[in-house]
Protein backbone atom coordinates (compact mmCIF):
# COMPACT_ATOMS: atom_id res chain seq x y z
CA MET A 1 93.67 123.58 75.40
CA GLY A 2 96.29 120.32 76.29
CA LEU A 3 98.48 119.41 79.00
CA SER A 4 102.49 119.91 78.34
CA GLY A 5 104.96 116.94 78.81
CA SER A 6 106.04 117.96 81.76
CA ALA A 7 102.28 118.37 83.07
CA TRP A 8 101.73 114.69 82.18
CA ALA A 9 104.95 113.50 83.71
CA THR A 10 103.31 115.30 86.88
CA LEU A 11 100.36 114.13 86.78
CA LEU A 12 101.18 110.18 86.11
CA VAL A 13 104.53 109.34 87.52
CA PRO A 14 103.21 109.97 91.32
CA THR A 15 100.02 108.12 89.93
CA LEU A 16 101.79 105.02 88.40
CA LEU A 17 104.27 104.77 91.53
CA GLY A 18 101.44 104.92 93.98
CA ILE A 19 99.86 101.90 91.69
CA LEU A 20 103.11 99.55 91.71
CA THR A 21 103.54 100.40 95.38
CA MET A 22 100.23 99.05 96.28
CA LEU A 23 100.64 95.98 94.08
CA LEU A 24 103.94 95.46 95.62
CA TYR A 25 102.26 95.64 99.02
CA GLY A 26 99.48 93.72 97.84
CA TYR A 27 101.56 90.56 96.95
CA TRP A 28 104.78 90.76 99.27
CA ASP A 29 104.08 87.80 100.95
CA ARG A 30 104.17 86.07 97.52
CA ILE A 31 107.41 87.61 96.82
CA THR A 32 108.86 86.94 99.91
CA GLY A 33 107.52 83.57 100.35
CA LYS A 34 106.68 84.67 104.35
CA GLU A 35 103.43 84.86 105.55
CA TYR A 36 102.40 87.89 107.89
CA TYR A 37 99.33 88.06 109.83
CA VAL A 38 97.85 89.19 112.85
CA ASP A 39 95.29 87.22 114.71
CA ASP A 40 93.69 87.24 118.32
CA GLU A 41 96.31 85.51 120.05
CA ILE A 42 98.71 87.74 119.24
CA LEU A 43 96.40 91.06 119.44
CA ALA A 44 96.05 89.42 122.98
CA TYR A 45 99.60 89.01 123.63
CA ASP A 46 100.73 92.55 123.00
CA GLU A 47 97.37 93.96 125.04
CA ASP A 48 98.86 92.18 127.88
CA LEU A 49 102.20 93.29 127.48
CA ILE A 50 101.59 96.57 127.59
CA GLU A 51 99.51 96.40 130.30
CA THR A 52 102.29 94.88 132.29
CA LEU A 53 104.84 97.45 130.93
CA LYS A 54 102.29 99.76 132.07
CA GLY A 55 102.61 98.37 135.77
CA GLU A 56 106.16 98.44 135.72
CA GLY A 57 106.21 101.76 134.98
CA LYS A 58 108.34 101.31 131.84
CA VAL A 59 105.37 102.59 129.12
C-alpha cells in the first residue's frame, strides 16, 4: 500500500525546508560576508555585565 500524493508532500516538504534552513544557517557567514563568533572575552564581558546589573537591581 503506497502513500498518496498529499501524504508524500506532508513528509517531504517539511523535511526539505528543514534541510534548506540548516544549510542556510551553516553558510550564513559566507552569504552575508560577516563573521559571527563568541569567544571567552565576550562571554566574560557578558557575565560581568549581568553581575553588575544584578548589583544595581536592574535584572
